[in-house]
Amino acid sequence: MTTPIVVAVLVAALLHAVWNAIAHAITDRLLGFALIGLGGMFVTLPLLLVVGMPPPEAWPLLLGSLATHLLYLTLLMVSYRTGDFGQVYPLARGTAPGWSPSSGRSCSVSTYHPGNSSGSWSSRPG
């Protein structure tokens, strides 16, 4: 495993631990989610200076991703209000990874072909 991959995994683990600490410590879920969002913004903005803005063709996908993420966060906050954090959190974290590929498949212009040992992606007309 290369050093950048190890660093990325360790940073992701650190950010996840910080997210969990905030989610457990702050009783006002809206404030907690806002702080987490601001933290993500402060990490992302410097990266945009390095890699540049996405091309215009990507904006519809980015906006769709944003809308999906906001829906997920809204439902997560409602779940936290109505259920115990210890029960809601594992369910939310466990079901989201399953919804991502299934929802992506319905609107994707790419197809994954697992038949090849390394897997491959191919585009189809939209």
C-alpha atoms as a PDB file:
ATOM      1  CA  MET A   1       0.000   0.000   0.000  1.00  0.00           C
ATOM      2  CA  THR A   2       1.379   3.391  -0.972  1.00  0.00           C
ATOM      3  CA  THR A   3       1.937   6.212   1.489  1.00  0.00           C
ATOM      4  CA  PRO A   4      -0.800   8.493   0.033  1.00  0.00           C
ATOM      5  CA  ILE A   5      -3.359   5.707   0.429  1.00  0.00           C
ATOM      6  CA  VAL A   6      -2.327   5.042   4.025  1.00  0.00           C
ATOM      7  CA  VAL A   7      -2.498   8.767   4.777  1.00  0.00           C
ATOM      8  CA  ALA A   8      -5.943   9.051   3.138  1.00  0.00           C
ATOM      9  CA  VAL A   9      -7.270   6.108   5.169  1.00  0.00           C
ATOM     10  CA  LEU A  10      -5.868   7.524   8.412  1.00  0.00           C
ATOM     11  CA  VAL A  11      -7.303  10.994   7.708  1.00  0.00           C
ATOM     12  CA  ALA A  12     -10.683   9.426   6.899  1.00  0.00           C
ATOM     13  CA  ALA A  13     -10.567   7.501  10.189  1.00  0.00           C
ATOM     14  CA  LEU A  14      -9.699  10.682  12.080  1.00  0.00           C
ATOM     15  CA  LEU A  15     -12.523  12.642  10.423  1.00  0.00           C
ATOM     16  CA  HIS A  16     -14.960   9.843  11.173  1.00  0.00           C
ATOM     17  CA  ALA A  17     -13.912   9.823  14.826  1.00  0.00           C
ATOM     18  CA  VAL A  18     -14.386  13.606  15.009  1.00  0.00           C
ATOM     19  CA  TRP A  19     -17.820  13.263  13.375  1.00  0.00           C
ATOM     20  CA  ASN A  20     -18.811  10.631  15.955  1.00  0.00           C
ATOM     21  CA  ALA A  21     -17.551  12.767  18.833  1.00  0.00           C
ATOM     22  CA  ILE A  22     -19.557  15.768  17.629  1.00  0.00           C
ATOM     23  CA  ALA A  23     -22.648  13.645  16.990  1.00  0.00           C
ATOM     24  CA  HIS A  24     -22.490  12.205  20.523  1.00  0.00           C
ATOM     25  CA  ALA A  25     -21.570  15.420  22.342  1.00  0.00           C
ATOM     26  CA  ILE A  26     -23.992  17.943  20.840  1.00  0.00           C
ATOM     27  CA  THR A  27     -27.636  17.507  21.760  1.00  0.00           C
ATOM     28  CA  ASP A  28     -28.787  20.018  19.134  1.00  0.00           C
ATOM     29  CA  ARG A  29     -28.537  17.824  16.035  1.00  0.00           C
ATOM     30  CA  LEU A  30     -29.054  20.706  13.605  1.00  0.00           C
ATOM     31  CA  LEU A  31     -26.129  22.583  15.145  1.00  0.00           C
ATOM     32  CA  GLY A  32     -24.015  19.434  15.094  1.00  0.00           C
ATOM     33  CA  PHE A  33     -24.743  18.745  11.436  1.00  0.00           C
ATOM     34  CA  ALA A  34     -24.065  22.394  10.580  1.00  0.00           C
ATOM     35  CA  LEU A  35     -20.680  22.253  12.334  1.00  0.00           C
ATOM     36  CA  ILE A  36     -19.800  19.056  10.498  1.00  0.00           C
ATOM     37  CA  GLY A  37     -20.848  20.633   7.183  1.00  0.00           C
ATOM     38  CA  LEU A  38     -18.753  23.719   7.868  1.00  0.00           C
ATOM     39  CA  GLY A  39     -15.787  21.521   8.700  1.00  0.00           C
ATOM     40  CA  GLY A  40     -16.190  19.739   5.374  1.00  0.00           C
ATOM     41  CA  MET A  41     -16.407  23.070   3.590  1.00  0.00           C
ATOM     42  CA  PHE A  42     -13.166  24.288   5.161  1.00  0.00           C
ATOM     43  CA  VAL A  43     -11.435  21.091   4.025  1.00  0.00           C
ATOM     44  CA  THR A  44     -12.896  21.212   0.511  1.00  0.00           C
ATOM     45  CA  LEU A  45     -12.310  24.858  -0.383  1.00  0.00           C
ATOM     46  CA  PRO A  46      -8.490  24.655  -0.274  1.00  0.00           C
ATOM     47  CA  LEU A  47      -8.660  21.480  -2.386  1.00  0.00           C
ATOM     48  CA  LEU A  48     -10.640  23.378  -5.039  1.00  0.00           C
ATOM     49  CA  LEU A  49      -7.787  25.857  -5.277  1.00  0.00           C
ATOM     50  CA  VAL A  50      -5.453  22.969  -6.112  1.00  0.00           C
ATOM     51  CA  VAL A  51      -7.609  20.876  -8.460  1.00  0.00           C
ATOM     52  CA  GLY A  52      -9.884  23.593  -9.863  1.00  0.00           C
ATOM     53  CA  MET A  53     -13.633  23.751 -10.321  1.00  0.00           C
ATOM     54  CA  PRO A  54     -15.427  20.777 -11.860  1.00  0.00           C
ATOM     55  CA  PRO A  55     -16.374  21.053 -15.532  1.00  0.00           C
ATOM     56  CA  PRO A  56     -19.869  22.361 -16.357  1.00  0.00           C
ATOM     57  CA  GLU A  57     -20.974  18.875 -17.453  1.00  0.00           C
ATOM     58  CA  ALA A  58     -20.474  17.643 -13.881  1.00  0.00           C
ATOM     59  CA  TRP A  59     -22.702  20.250 -12.219  1.00  0.00           C
ATOM     60  CA  PRO A  60     -26.024  18.419 -12.722  1.00  0.00           C
ATOM     61  CA  LEU A  61     -24.517  15.311 -11.119  1.00  0.00           C
ATOM     62  CA  LEU A  62     -23.039  17.352  -8.286  1.00  0.00           C
ATOM     63  CA  LEU A  63     -26.378  19.057  -7.618  1.00  0.00           C
ATOM     64  CA  GLY A  64     -28.144  15.689  -7.675  1.00  0.00           C
ATOM     65  CA  SER A  65     -25.581  14.337  -5.233  1.00  0.00           C
ATOM     66  CA  LEU A  66     -26.059  17.390  -3.005  1.00  0.00           C
ATOM     67  CA  ALA A  67     -29.849  16.956  -3.018  1.00  0.00           C
ATOM     68  CA  THR A  68     -29.514  13.265  -2.153  1.00  0.00           C
ATOM     69  CA  HIS A  69     -27.072  14.038   0.653  1.00  0.00           C
ATOM     70  CA  LEU A  70     -29.329  16.750   2.109  1.00  0.00           C
ATOM     71  CA  LEU A  71     -32.278  14.329   2.026  1.00  0.00           C
ATOM     72  CA  TYR A  72     -30.157  11.705   3.806  1.00  0.00           C
ATOM     73  CA  LEU A  73     -29.056  14.208   6.474  1.00  0.00           C
ATOM     74  CA  THR A  74     -32.626  15.424   6.987  1.00  0.00           C
ATOM     75  CA  LEU A  75     -33.919  11.879   7.427  1.00  0.00           C
ATOM     76  CA  LEU A  76     -30.991  11.119   9.721  1.00  0.00           C
ATOM     77  CA  MET A  77     -31.808  14.111  11.946  1.00  0.00           C
ATOM     78  CA  VAL A  78     -35.472  13.075  12.103  1.00  0.00           C
ATOM     79  CA  SER A  79     -34.381   9.542  13.009  1.00  0.00           C
ATOM     80  CA  TYR A  80     -32.141  10.846  15.787  1.00  0.00           C
ATOM     81  CA  ARG A  81     -35.060  12.804  17.234  1.00  0.00           C
ATOM     82  CA  THR A  82     -37.406   9.823  17.241  1.00  0.00           C
ATOM     83  CA  GLY A  83     -35.039   6.966  18.132  1.00  0.00           C
ATOM     84  CA  ASP A  84     -32.092   6.170  20.342  1.00  0.00           C
ATOM     85  CA  PHE A  85     -28.752   7.188  18.805  1.00  0.00           C
ATOM     86  CA  GLY A  86     -27.259   3.771  19.566  1.00  0.00           C
ATOM     87  CA  GLN A  87     -29.942   2.079  17.459  1.00  0.00           C
ATOM     88  CA  VAL A  88     -30.471   4.654  14.719  1.00  0.00           C
ATOM     89  CA  TYR A  89     -26.811   5.286  13.907  1.00  0.00           C
ATOM     90  CA  PRO A  90     -25.853   1.691  13.011  1.00  0.00           C
ATOM     91  CA  LEU A  91     -28.997   1.311  10.901  1.00  0.00           C
ATOM     92  CA  ALA A  92     -28.385   4.557   9.056  1.00  0.00           C
ATOM     93  CA  ARG A  93     -24.717   3.787   8.469  1.00  0.00           C
ATOM     94  CA  GLY A  94     -25.523   0.232   7.412  1.00  0.00           C
ATOM     95  CA  THR A  95     -28.311   1.020   4.960  1.00  0.00           C
ATOM     96  CA  ALA A  96     -26.803   4.045   3.197  1.00  0.00           C
ATOM     97  CA  PRO A  97     -24.050   2.019   1.464  1.00  0.00           C
ATOM     98  CA  GLY A  98     -26.725  -0.283   0.062  1.00  0.00           C
ATOM     99  CA  TRP A  99     -28.851   2.554  -1.276  1.00  0.00           C
ATOM    100  CA  SER A 100     -25.964   4.294  -3.018  1.00  0.00           C
ATOM    101  CA  PRO A 101     -25.240   1.688  -5.715  1.00  0.00           C
ATOM    102  CA  SER A 102     -28.894   0.854  -6.263  1.00  0.00           C
ATOM    103  CA  SER A 103     -29.883   4.498  -6.700  1.00  0.00           C
ATOM    104  CA  GLY A 104     -26.793   5.180  -8.786  1.00  0.00           C
ATOM    105  CA  ARG A 105     -27.603   2.300 -11.096  1.00  0.00           C
ATOM    106  CA  SER A 106     -30.989   3.798 -11.965  1.00  0.00           C
ATOM    107  CA  CYS A 107     -29.541   7.098 -13.188  1.00  0.00           C
ATOM    108  CA  SER A 108     -26.050   6.137 -14.309  1.00  0.00           C
ATOM    109  CA  VAL A 109     -24.659   6.351 -17.816  1.00  0.00           C
ATOM    110  CA  SER A 110     -21.950   3.831 -16.898  1.00  0.00           C
ATOM    111  CA  THR A 111     -22.200   0.107 -16.351  1.00  0.00           C
ATOM    112  CA  TYR A 112     -19.982  -2.020 -14.167  1.00  0.00           C
ATOM    113  CA  HIS A 113     -18.896  -5.373 -15.603  1.00  0.00           C
ATOM    114  CA  PRO A 114     -17.738  -7.687 -12.800  1.00  0.00           C
ATOM    115  CA  GLY A 115     -17.055 -10.605 -15.197  1.00  0.00           C
ATOM    116  CA  ASN A 116     -13.512  -9.446 -15.726  1.00  0.00           C
ATOM    117  CA  SER A 117     -11.209 -10.243 -12.802  1.00  0.00           C
ATOM    118  CA  SER A 118     -10.345  -6.585 -12.168  1.00  0.00           C
ATOM    119  CA  GLY A 119     -13.807  -5.280 -13.062  1.00  0.00           C
ATOM    120  CA  SER A 120     -14.392  -2.687 -15.746  1.00  0.00           C
ATOM    121  CA  TRP A 121     -16.643   0.255 -16.501  1.00  0.00           C
ATOM    122  CA  SER A 122     -18.151   1.117 -19.872  1.00  0.00           C
ATOM    123  CA  SER A 123     -20.280   4.054 -20.938  1.00  0.00           C
ATOM    124  CA  ARG A 124     -23.585   3.696 -22.707  1.00  0.00           C
ATOM    125  CA  PRO A 125     -25.507   6.420 -24.538  1.00  0.00           C
ATOM    126  CA  GLY A 126     -27.583   8.572 -22.199  1.00  0.00           C
END
